[in-house]
Amino acid sequence: MKKVPKRLQPILWSVDVKNLDLEKDKVYIINQILGYGGMETLSWLFKSYPKKVIKQIFINKPLKVYTTAAFNFTKEILLEIKDKKLDPYKYDISLPRIIRS
């Protein structure tokens, strides 16, 4: 099994990388790296997961960890999602949560 490199610990701060499983924890890993990663960590991400999987996780399993700039960069540039309207309230940490009854 491929391990998560120790150098990614600052990006994946809420869990010890030794305890992360690339398959079971892919929603957390992918969203954290897309939201907070730099070029080196993004490169590792795209080598570790197919772009199709990264895109599916971003669209279908969003985490509210993105700045407005990181959300737009990920959507428009990294993943080239131009044909789908995504709700920024599900991604952008600076926007308040919408609580519906």
Protein backbone atom coordinates (compact mmCIF):
# COMPACT_ATOMS: atom_id res chain seq x y z
CA MET A 1 0.00 0.00 0.00
CA LYS A 2 1.26 3.47 -0.88
CA LYS A 3 1.83 5.65 2.17
CA VAL A 4 1.18 9.33 2.65
CA PRO A 5 4.59 11.05 2.85
CA LYS A 6 5.56 12.55 6.19
CA ARG A 7 6.24 15.88 4.43
CA LEU A 8 2.46 16.28 3.97
CA GLN A 9 1.83 16.40 7.75
CA PRO A 10 1.58 20.23 7.83
CA ILE A 11 -1.24 20.09 5.22
CA LEU A 12 -2.97 17.09 6.82
CA TRP A 13 -2.62 18.46 10.34
CA SER A 14 -5.66 16.93 12.03
CA VAL A 15 -4.51 13.31 11.59
CA ASP A 16 -1.09 11.71 11.91
CA VAL A 17 -0.10 10.82 8.32
CA LYS A 18 1.03 7.38 9.57
CA ASN A 19 -2.63 6.65 10.31
CA LEU A 20 -4.02 7.78 6.95
CA ASP A 21 -5.20 5.28 4.38
CA LEU A 22 -5.10 6.54 0.78
CA GLU A 23 -8.41 4.90 -0.05
CA LYS A 24 -10.43 5.27 3.17
CA ASP A 25 -9.30 8.83 3.84
CA LYS A 26 -9.27 10.14 0.28
CA VAL A 27 -12.04 12.71 0.85
CA TYR A 28 -10.01 14.34 3.63
CA ILE A 29 -6.65 14.02 1.84
CA ILE A 30 -7.90 15.38 -1.49
CA ASN A 31 -9.85 18.33 -0.05
CA GLN A 32 -7.08 19.34 2.37
CA ILE A 33 -4.42 19.30 -0.33
CA LEU A 34 -6.61 21.14 -2.84
CA GLY A 35 -7.47 23.72 -0.19
CA TYR A 36 -4.08 24.23 1.43
CA GLY A 37 -1.42 22.59 -0.71
CA GLY A 38 1.33 24.16 -2.76
CA MET A 39 2.82 23.01 -6.05
CA GLU A 40 4.78 20.11 -4.52
CA THR A 41 1.80 18.71 -2.62
CA LEU A 42 -0.55 19.21 -5.58
CA SER A 43 1.93 17.33 -7.76
CA TRP A 44 1.94 14.44 -5.28
CA LEU A 45 -1.89 14.48 -5.22
CA PHE A 46 -2.23 14.20 -9.00
CA LYS A 47 0.34 11.38 -9.06
CA SER A 48 -1.46 9.52 -6.28
CA TYR A 49 -5.05 9.80 -7.54
CA PRO A 50 -6.47 9.96 -11.07
CA LYS A 51 -7.79 13.42 -11.99
CA LYS A 52 -11.24 11.88 -12.47
CA VAL A 53 -11.29 10.72 -8.82
CA ILE A 54 -10.05 14.09 -7.56
CA LYS A 55 -12.74 15.85 -9.58
CA GLN A 56 -15.50 13.49 -8.33
CA ILE A 57 -14.45 14.01 -4.70
CA PHE A 58 -14.32 17.80 -5.16
CA ILE A 59 -17.79 17.90 -6.71
CA ASN A 60 -19.60 15.24 -4.67
CA LYS A 61 -17.84 15.31 -1.27
CA PRO A 62 -16.94 18.94 -0.60
CA LEU A 63 -15.41 20.04 2.67
CA LYS A 64 -15.66 23.60 3.90
CA VAL A 65 -11.88 24.17 3.91
CA TYR A 66 -11.30 26.45 0.93
CA THR A 67 -10.63 30.16 0.77
CA THR A 68 -12.51 31.94 -2.00
CA ALA A 69 -9.31 32.06 -4.08
CA ALA A 70 -8.46 28.38 -3.47
CA PHE A 71 -12.01 27.31 -4.37
CA ASN A 72 -12.00 29.28 -7.63
CA PHE A 73 -8.45 28.19 -8.54
CA THR A 74 -9.28 24.53 -7.90
CA LYS A 75 -12.60 24.66 -9.77
CA GLU A 76 -11.58 26.76 -12.77
CA ILE A 77 -7.87 26.03 -13.25
CA LEU A 78 -6.85 22.75 -11.62
CA LEU A 79 -9.96 20.71 -12.35
CA GLU A 80 -11.35 22.75 -15.26
CA ILE A 81 -14.94 22.58 -14.02
CA LYS A 82 -16.61 25.20 -16.16
CA ASP A 83 -19.89 23.51 -17.04
CA LYS A 84 -21.13 22.83 -13.50
CA LYS A 85 -22.48 25.29 -10.94
CA LEU A 86 -21.07 24.49 -7.51
CA ASP A 87 -22.43 26.04 -4.33
CA PRO A 88 -19.57 28.03 -2.75
CA TYR A 89 -21.29 27.78 0.65
CA LYS A 90 -20.29 24.10 0.73
CA TYR A 91 -16.61 24.93 0.11
CA ASP A 92 -15.68 28.44 1.20
CA ILE A 93 -14.64 28.71 4.82
CA SER A 94 -15.25 32.47 4.83
CA LEU A 95 -18.96 32.08 3.99
CA PRO A 96 -21.41 31.33 6.81
CA ARG A 97 -22.96 27.92 7.02
CA ILE A 98 -26.54 27.73 5.82
CA ILE A 99 -28.72 26.01 8.36
CA ARG A 100 -32.00 24.82 6.97
CA SER A 101 -34.78 23.18 8.92
